[in-house]
Structure formats: structure tokens, C-alpha cells
């Protein structure tokens, strides 16, 4: 049987690939601007506990600094 950490790593990579595919399909159907707004809002909700000073979000695949939704719109 595989160790638990290898199983979790494999599962995490699969979820990340599924997330990327869903985002790309949304871009094709909705357009880039709407998808970026939705993705930013989802990432803010998913990583709400990781705020630093209310402006920085530490995400799983990097850091987005000073998110301003007005720039996206």
C-alpha cells in the first residue's frame, strides 16, 4: 500500500488539474474578464484565513499581492 503522503500529493495534483481545466473552459465560454473576477473572488473565499494585513493572499501556487478588483474590471 502507498504511503499516505504520496496518495495526498497525487490527489492534490489531480484536483489542481481539474481546477485548471474548469478555469480554461470558463474562459472559453464567458470571456477572460468575468473569469478573472470569479477566480479572484473564489481564491479570496478559499484562502480567507491567510490574509496578511487584509491585502496580501498567500496562495498554494504563489503569492498575489494587493488584489484590486477594480484593475481586473
C-alpha atoms as a PDB file:
ATOM      1  CA  UNK A   1       0.000   0.000   0.000  1.00  0.00           C
ATOM      2  CA  UNK A   2       1.204   3.516  -0.818  1.00  0.00           C
ATOM      3  CA  UNK A   3       2.181   5.904   1.961  1.00  0.00           C
ATOM      4  CA  UNK A   4      -0.444   8.477   2.856  1.00  0.00           C
ATOM      5  CA  UNK A   5       1.662  11.466   1.800  1.00  0.00           C
ATOM      6  CA  UNK A   6       2.082  10.073  -1.736  1.00  0.00           C
ATOM      7  CA  UNK A   7      -1.658   9.486  -2.008  1.00  0.00           C
ATOM      8  CA  UNK A   8      -2.395  13.029  -0.834  1.00  0.00           C
ATOM      9  CA  UNK A   9       0.181  14.504  -3.234  1.00  0.00           C
ATOM     10  CA  UNK A  10      -1.342  12.573  -6.142  1.00  0.00           C
ATOM     11  CA  UNK A  11      -4.873  13.648  -5.140  1.00  0.00           C
ATOM     12  CA  UNK A  12      -3.789  17.294  -4.770  1.00  0.00           C
ATOM     13  CA  UNK A  13      -2.245  17.297  -8.260  1.00  0.00           C
ATOM     14  CA  UNK A  14      -5.430  15.795  -9.740  1.00  0.00           C
ATOM     15  CA  UNK A  15      -7.576  18.453  -8.065  1.00  0.00           C
ATOM     16  CA  UNK A  16      -5.245  21.176  -9.358  1.00  0.00           C
ATOM     17  CA  UNK A  17      -5.530  19.804 -12.918  1.00  0.00           C
ATOM     18  CA  UNK A  18      -9.325  19.663 -12.637  1.00  0.00           C
ATOM     19  CA  UNK A  19      -9.320  23.292 -11.375  1.00  0.00           C
ATOM     20  CA  UNK A  20      -7.164  24.382 -14.353  1.00  0.00           C
ATOM     21  CA  UNK A  21      -9.441  22.608 -16.841  1.00  0.00           C
ATOM     22  CA  UNK A  22     -12.549  24.202 -15.336  1.00  0.00           C
ATOM     23  CA  UNK A  23     -10.980  27.664 -15.463  1.00  0.00           C
ATOM     24  CA  UNK A  24      -9.949  27.203 -19.103  1.00  0.00           C
ATOM     25  CA  UNK A  25     -13.469  26.056 -20.032  1.00  0.00           C
ATOM     26  CA  UNK A  26     -14.932  29.079 -18.245  1.00  0.00           C
ATOM     27  CA  UNK A  27     -12.582  31.369 -20.175  1.00  0.00           C
ATOM     28  CA  UNK A  28     -13.814  29.874 -23.442  1.00  0.00           C
ATOM     29  CA  UNK A  29     -17.474  30.310 -22.523  1.00  0.00           C
ATOM     30  CA  UNK A  30     -17.563  33.531 -20.505  1.00  0.00           C
ATOM     31  CA  UNK A  31     -14.554  35.531 -21.576  1.00  0.00           C
ATOM     32  CA  UNK A  32     -11.414  36.474 -19.725  1.00  0.00           C
ATOM     33  CA  UNK A  33     -12.631  39.397 -17.616  1.00  0.00           C
ATOM     34  CA  UNK A  34     -15.540  37.595 -15.985  1.00  0.00           C
ATOM     35  CA  UNK A  35     -13.436  34.515 -15.272  1.00  0.00           C
ATOM     36  CA  UNK A  36     -10.695  36.573 -13.632  1.00  0.00           C
ATOM     37  CA  UNK A  37     -13.270  38.265 -11.413  1.00  0.00           C
ATOM     38  CA  UNK A  38     -14.808  34.921 -10.452  1.00  0.00           C
ATOM     39  CA  UNK A  39     -11.440  33.262  -9.896  1.00  0.00           C
ATOM     40  CA  UNK A  40     -10.171  36.101  -7.700  1.00  0.00           C
ATOM     41  CA  UNK A  41     -13.337  36.022  -5.613  1.00  0.00           C
ATOM     42  CA  UNK A  42     -13.148  32.232  -5.262  1.00  0.00           C
ATOM     43  CA  UNK A  43      -9.493  32.368  -4.252  1.00  0.00           C
ATOM     44  CA  UNK A  44     -10.260  35.098  -1.731  1.00  0.00           C
ATOM     45  CA  UNK A  45     -13.007  32.928  -0.243  1.00  0.00           C
ATOM     46  CA  UNK A  46     -10.878  29.775  -0.269  1.00  0.00           C
ATOM     47  CA  UNK A  47      -7.856  31.435   1.325  1.00  0.00           C
ATOM     48  CA  UNK A  48      -9.612  33.971   3.538  1.00  0.00           C
ATOM     49  CA  UNK A  49      -7.726  32.816   6.624  1.00  0.00           C
ATOM     50  CA  UNK A  50      -4.361  33.527   5.011  1.00  0.00           C
ATOM     51  CA  UNK A  51      -4.721  37.288   4.680  1.00  0.00           C
ATOM     52  CA  UNK A  52      -1.813  39.422   5.778  1.00  0.00           C
ATOM     53  CA  UNK A  53      -2.855  42.969   6.584  1.00  0.00           C
ATOM     54  CA  UNK A  54      -6.034  42.474   4.585  1.00  0.00           C
ATOM     55  CA  UNK A  55      -4.212  42.964   1.275  1.00  0.00           C
ATOM     56  CA  UNK A  56      -1.902  40.009   0.634  1.00  0.00           C
ATOM     57  CA  UNK A  57      -3.108  36.477  -0.029  1.00  0.00           C
ATOM     58  CA  UNK A  58      -0.739  33.540   0.110  1.00  0.00           C
ATOM     59  CA  UNK A  59      -1.991  31.036  -2.433  1.00  0.00           C
ATOM     60  CA  UNK A  60      -0.961  27.458  -2.984  1.00  0.00           C
ATOM     61  CA  UNK A  61       0.953  28.190  -6.190  1.00  0.00           C
ATOM     62  CA  UNK A  62       2.406  31.620  -5.298  1.00  0.00           C
ATOM     63  CA  UNK A  63       1.527  34.978  -3.879  1.00  0.00           C
ATOM     64  CA  UNK A  64      -0.891  37.552  -5.253  1.00  0.00           C
ATOM     65  CA  UNK A  65      -0.073  40.929  -3.758  1.00  0.00           C
ATOM     66  CA  UNK A  66      -2.566  43.733  -3.198  1.00  0.00           C
ATOM     67  CA  UNK A  67      -5.520  42.364  -5.150  1.00  0.00           C
ATOM     68  CA  UNK A  68      -7.553  45.218  -6.568  1.00  0.00           C
ATOM     69  CA  UNK A  69     -10.703  44.013  -8.311  1.00  0.00           C
ATOM     70  CA  UNK A  70     -11.110  47.420  -9.985  1.00  0.00           C
ATOM     71  CA  UNK A  71      -7.986  46.716 -12.038  1.00  0.00           C
ATOM     72  CA  UNK A  72      -9.483  43.420 -13.194  1.00  0.00           C
ATOM     73  CA  UNK A  73     -12.786  45.005 -14.240  1.00  0.00           C
END
